[in-house]
């Protein structure tokens, strides 16, 4: 009985290895020489003059395994030739469309690029991005779907199977998630916790059935 229970639990646990991934633009903030996954979406973050903000398109399960922009968050390298100007601020943007492995079927990612956005003092990161990387595309939930027209279609699609091995097909922007461009973790939550809930329910059912069998055996004795 115990062996059967252990085997059932192992099978349930194995199912979690095939967790779903999401294809989306994640949003990052430069901190010296490293990137940190943004805790808010681009439309909510209002960076100061000298800030570095990054966007990376890739397939990932959540913020824990999201791919960072492949360029160093170096403000001087991006905005060094843009002088300070009263009534405005400078925001360095690193835009990384990712690799061919993460691209939707039939599309090829453009080359990574940087841009120095000069915007109003109270402008958000989304405003800065819009000033240098149009056209942007959002969905009805304000999730950032495309930067400079890439990708042409799709928005935070869930991809079945292991995110690392997922084939090109289908977070936040902000969403960046950028996760949405308004919710950094939207793609990670978009599944509503599906696989985990199913696994727990399965384990619970196995344990209940096992306990019932043990009680029956004891009564027969």
Protein backbone atom coordinates (compact mmCIF):
# COMPACT_ATOMS: atom_id res chain seq x y z
CA UNK A 1 0.00 0.00 0.00
CA UNK A 2 2.72 2.45 0.98
CA UNK A 3 4.64 1.58 -2.18
CA UNK A 4 1.58 2.33 -4.30
CA UNK A 5 1.07 5.65 -2.53
CA UNK A 6 4.70 6.62 -3.06
CA UNK A 7 4.49 5.76 -6.73
CA UNK A 8 1.32 7.81 -7.16
CA UNK A 9 2.86 10.82 -5.42
CA UNK A 10 5.97 10.50 -7.62
CA UNK A 11 3.84 10.50 -10.75
CA UNK A 12 2.00 13.61 -9.58
CA UNK A 13 5.26 15.37 -8.79
CA UNK A 14 6.63 14.45 -12.20
CA UNK A 15 3.71 16.28 -13.77
CA UNK A 16 4.90 19.57 -12.32
CA UNK A 17 8.15 19.27 -14.32
CA UNK A 18 6.08 19.90 -17.43
CA UNK A 19 4.92 23.30 -16.19
CA UNK A 20 3.55 25.76 -18.71
CA UNK A 21 5.63 28.64 -19.99
CA UNK A 22 4.61 32.01 -21.39
CA UNK A 23 5.97 34.02 -24.29
CA UNK A 24 6.07 37.69 -23.35
CA UNK A 25 8.04 40.91 -22.91
CA UNK A 26 9.49 40.99 -19.37
CA UNK A 27 10.36 44.29 -17.72
CA UNK A 28 13.64 44.94 -15.88
CA UNK A 29 15.29 47.76 -13.96
CA UNK A 30 19.01 48.41 -14.11
CA UNK A 31 20.81 48.46 -10.78
CA UNK A 32 24.42 49.37 -11.36
CA UNK A 33 25.84 46.54 -13.44
CA UNK A 34 22.94 44.09 -13.06
CA UNK A 35 19.28 43.68 -13.92
CA UNK A 36 16.45 43.26 -11.41
CA UNK A 37 13.00 41.99 -12.41
CA UNK A 38 10.58 44.90 -11.99
CA UNK A 39 7.96 44.56 -9.25
CA UNK A 40 5.61 46.95 -11.06
CA UNK A 41 4.68 47.36 -14.68
CA UNK A 42 6.18 50.05 -16.95
CA UNK A 43 3.03 52.15 -16.83
CA UNK A 44 3.38 52.45 -13.04
CA UNK A 45 7.14 52.99 -12.73
CA UNK A 46 8.32 56.60 -12.96
CA UNK A 47 12.10 56.45 -13.23
CA UNK A 48 14.30 59.40 -12.43
CA UNK A 49 16.88 61.02 -14.66
CA UNK A 50 19.74 58.55 -15.15
CA UNK A 51 17.64 55.40 -14.81
CA UNK A 52 18.12 52.33 -17.01
CA UNK A 53 15.08 50.21 -17.92
CA UNK A 54 15.15 46.97 -19.88
CA UNK A 55 12.75 44.79 -21.86
CA UNK A 56 13.38 41.18 -22.90
CA UNK A 57 11.19 38.96 -25.06
CA UNK A 58 11.43 35.28 -24.16
CA UNK A 59 9.60 32.16 -23.00
CA UNK A 60 9.60 31.57 -19.23
CA UNK A 61 7.42 30.12 -16.49
CA UNK A 62 7.65 33.13 -14.19
CA UNK A 63 9.94 35.89 -12.93
CA UNK A 64 12.23 33.29 -11.33
CA UNK A 65 13.47 31.91 -14.65
CA UNK A 66 12.85 34.89 -16.94
CA UNK A 67 15.72 35.78 -19.27
CA UNK A 68 17.43 39.13 -18.62
CA UNK A 69 18.34 41.65 -21.31
CA UNK A 70 21.69 40.63 -22.77
CA UNK A 71 23.25 44.09 -22.56
CA UNK A 72 24.71 45.67 -19.44
CA UNK A 73 22.51 48.39 -17.88
CA UNK A 74 25.03 51.17 -18.53
CA UNK A 75 23.40 54.61 -18.56
CA UNK A 76 26.50 56.41 -19.82
CA UNK A 77 26.81 54.05 -22.79
CA UNK A 78 23.22 54.78 -23.85
CA UNK A 79 22.65 58.40 -22.86
CA UNK A 80 26.17 59.73 -22.56
CA UNK A 81 25.72 61.96 -25.62
CA UNK A 82 22.34 63.29 -24.47
CA UNK A 83 22.87 66.38 -22.30
CA UNK A 84 20.79 67.30 -19.27
CA UNK A 85 17.92 69.66 -20.11
CA UNK A 86 15.66 71.58 -17.76
CA UNK A 87 12.09 70.35 -17.66
CA UNK A 88 12.94 66.83 -18.82
CA UNK A 89 14.68 63.63 -17.77
CA UNK A 90 16.72 61.01 -19.60
CA UNK A 91 15.90 57.32 -19.38
CA UNK A 92 18.17 54.71 -20.96
CA UNK A 93 16.22 51.86 -22.55
CA UNK A 94 17.61 48.44 -23.45
CA UNK A 95 15.29 46.51 -25.78
CA UNK A 96 16.17 42.85 -26.34
CA UNK A 97 13.77 40.92 -28.66
CA UNK A 98 15.38 37.63 -27.62
CA UNK A 99 16.46 34.64 -29.67
CA UNK A 100 15.00 32.68 -32.56
CA UNK A 101 14.14 29.86 -30.14
CA UNK A 102 11.72 32.18 -28.33
CA UNK A 103 10.19 33.75 -31.43
CA UNK A 104 6.64 32.95 -32.53
CA UNK A 105 6.37 30.59 -35.49
CA UNK A 106 7.24 32.33 -38.74
CA UNK A 107 8.86 35.37 -37.09
CA UNK A 108 12.48 36.38 -36.62
CA UNK A 109 13.51 38.65 -33.74
CA UNK A 110 15.14 41.96 -34.66
CA UNK A 111 18.56 42.83 -33.23
CA UNK A 112 18.76 44.12 -29.64
CA UNK A 113 19.06 47.87 -29.40
CA UNK A 114 19.29 50.74 -26.96
CA UNK A 115 17.73 54.19 -26.96
CA UNK A 116 17.92 57.29 -24.81
CA UNK A 117 14.45 58.67 -24.17
CA UNK A 118 14.09 62.32 -23.17
CA UNK A 119 10.70 62.71 -21.53
CA UNK A 120 8.79 64.85 -19.05
CA UNK A 121 9.84 64.63 -15.38
CA UNK A 122 6.67 62.74 -14.41
CA UNK A 123 6.72 60.32 -17.37
CA UNK A 124 6.45 56.59 -16.79
CA UNK A 125 8.69 53.93 -18.30
CA UNK A 126 5.84 53.12 -20.69
CA UNK A 127 5.85 56.75 -21.83
CA UNK A 128 9.61 56.65 -22.36
CA UNK A 129 9.30 53.43 -24.36
CA UNK A 130 6.55 54.89 -26.52
CA UNK A 131 8.74 57.87 -27.35
CA UNK A 132 11.49 55.75 -28.94
CA UNK A 133 10.08 52.32 -29.88
CA UNK A 134 6.77 52.69 -31.70
CA UNK A 135 4.64 50.99 -32.72
CA UNK A 136 3.70 49.43 -29.38
CA UNK A 137 0.83 46.98 -29.11
CA UNK A 138 -1.23 46.30 -26.00
CA UNK A 139 -4.12 43.95 -25.29
CA UNK A 140 -7.43 44.86 -23.63
CA UNK A 141 -5.89 44.23 -20.19
CA UNK A 142 -3.05 46.71 -20.86
CA UNK A 143 -0.50 43.92 -21.31
CA UNK A 144 2.42 44.95 -23.51
CA UNK A 145 2.28 42.65 -26.51
CA UNK A 146 4.76 44.14 -28.98
CA UNK A 147 7.61 46.65 -29.09
CA UNK A 148 8.47 48.25 -32.44
CA UNK A 149 5.93 45.90 -34.01
CA UNK A 150 7.53 42.70 -32.66
CA UNK A 151 6.00 40.21 -32.49
CA UNK A 152 3.37 40.80 -35.14
CA UNK A 153 0.74 38.79 -33.31
CA UNK A 154 0.12 37.03 -30.02
CA UNK A 155 0.31 38.30 -26.46
CA UNK A 156 1.58 36.38 -23.44
CA UNK A 157 0.51 33.02 -24.86
CA UNK A 158 0.78 29.96 -22.69
CA UNK A 159 2.96 27.19 -24.08
CA UNK A 160 2.33 23.65 -22.89
CA UNK A 161 5.23 21.57 -21.63
CA UNK A 162 8.59 22.51 -20.19
CA UNK A 163 9.21 26.21 -20.84
CA UNK A 164 12.85 25.50 -21.58
CA UNK A 165 12.01 23.04 -24.33
CA UNK A 166 8.93 24.78 -25.66
CA UNK A 167 8.75 25.07 -29.45
CA UNK A 168 8.23 28.51 -30.96
CA UNK A 169 4.50 29.34 -30.90
CA UNK A 170 3.07 31.29 -28.08
CA UNK A 171 3.51 37.68 -20.28
CA UNK A 172 4.09 40.82 -18.61
CA UNK A 173 4.74 43.89 -20.59
CA UNK A 174 4.54 45.37 -18.49
CA UNK A 175 3.88 42.55 -19.18
CA UNK A 176 6.81 42.74 -18.47
CA UNK A 177 6.32 41.62 -17.31
CA UNK A 178 7.01 43.64 -19.07
CA UNK A 179 4.76 41.11 -17.72
CA UNK A 180 1.88 43.31 -18.59
CA UNK A 181 3.45 46.50 -19.28
CA UNK A 182 1.38 47.17 -16.25
CA UNK A 183 1.87 44.09 -14.20
CA UNK A 184 5.29 42.59 -13.92
CA UNK A 185 4.10 39.17 -12.86
CA UNK A 186 0.95 38.82 -14.92
CA UNK A 187 2.17 36.00 -17.20
CA UNK A 188 3.18 33.93 -14.19
CA UNK A 189 -0.31 34.29 -12.71
CA UNK A 190 -2.24 34.00 -15.96
CA UNK A 191 -2.64 30.25 -15.56
CA UNK A 192 -4.42 30.67 -12.24
CA UNK A 193 -2.10 28.12 -10.66
CA UNK A 194 -3.58 25.31 -12.77
CA UNK A 195 -0.97 22.50 -12.64
CA UNK A 196 -0.23 22.96 -8.92
CA UNK A 197 -3.90 22.78 -7.95
CA UNK A 198 -4.39 19.64 -9.99
CA UNK A 199 -1.37 17.94 -8.43
CA UNK A 200 -2.48 18.71 -4.88
CA UNK A 201 -5.97 17.45 -5.60
CA UNK A 202 -4.55 14.25 -7.09
CA UNK A 203 -2.28 13.61 -4.10
CA UNK A 204 -5.20 14.25 -1.73
CA UNK A 205 -7.38 11.75 -3.56
CA UNK A 206 -4.65 9.09 -3.47
CA UNK A 207 -4.11 9.55 0.26
CA UNK A 208 -7.84 9.33 1.00
CA UNK A 209 -8.19 6.12 -1.01
CA UNK A 210 -5.14 4.68 0.71
CA UNK A 211 -6.45 5.45 4.17
CA UNK A 212 -9.79 3.84 3.33
CA UNK A 213 -8.04 0.66 2.24
CA UNK A 214 -6.06 0.45 5.48
CA UNK A 215 -9.25 0.81 7.58
CA UNK A 216 -10.99 -1.97 5.63
CA UNK A 217 -8.03 -4.30 6.15
CA UNK A 218 -8.03 -3.70 9.92
CA UNK A 219 -11.78 -4.40 10.20
CA UNK A 220 -11.38 -7.76 8.44
CA UNK A 221 -8.83 -8.80 11.05
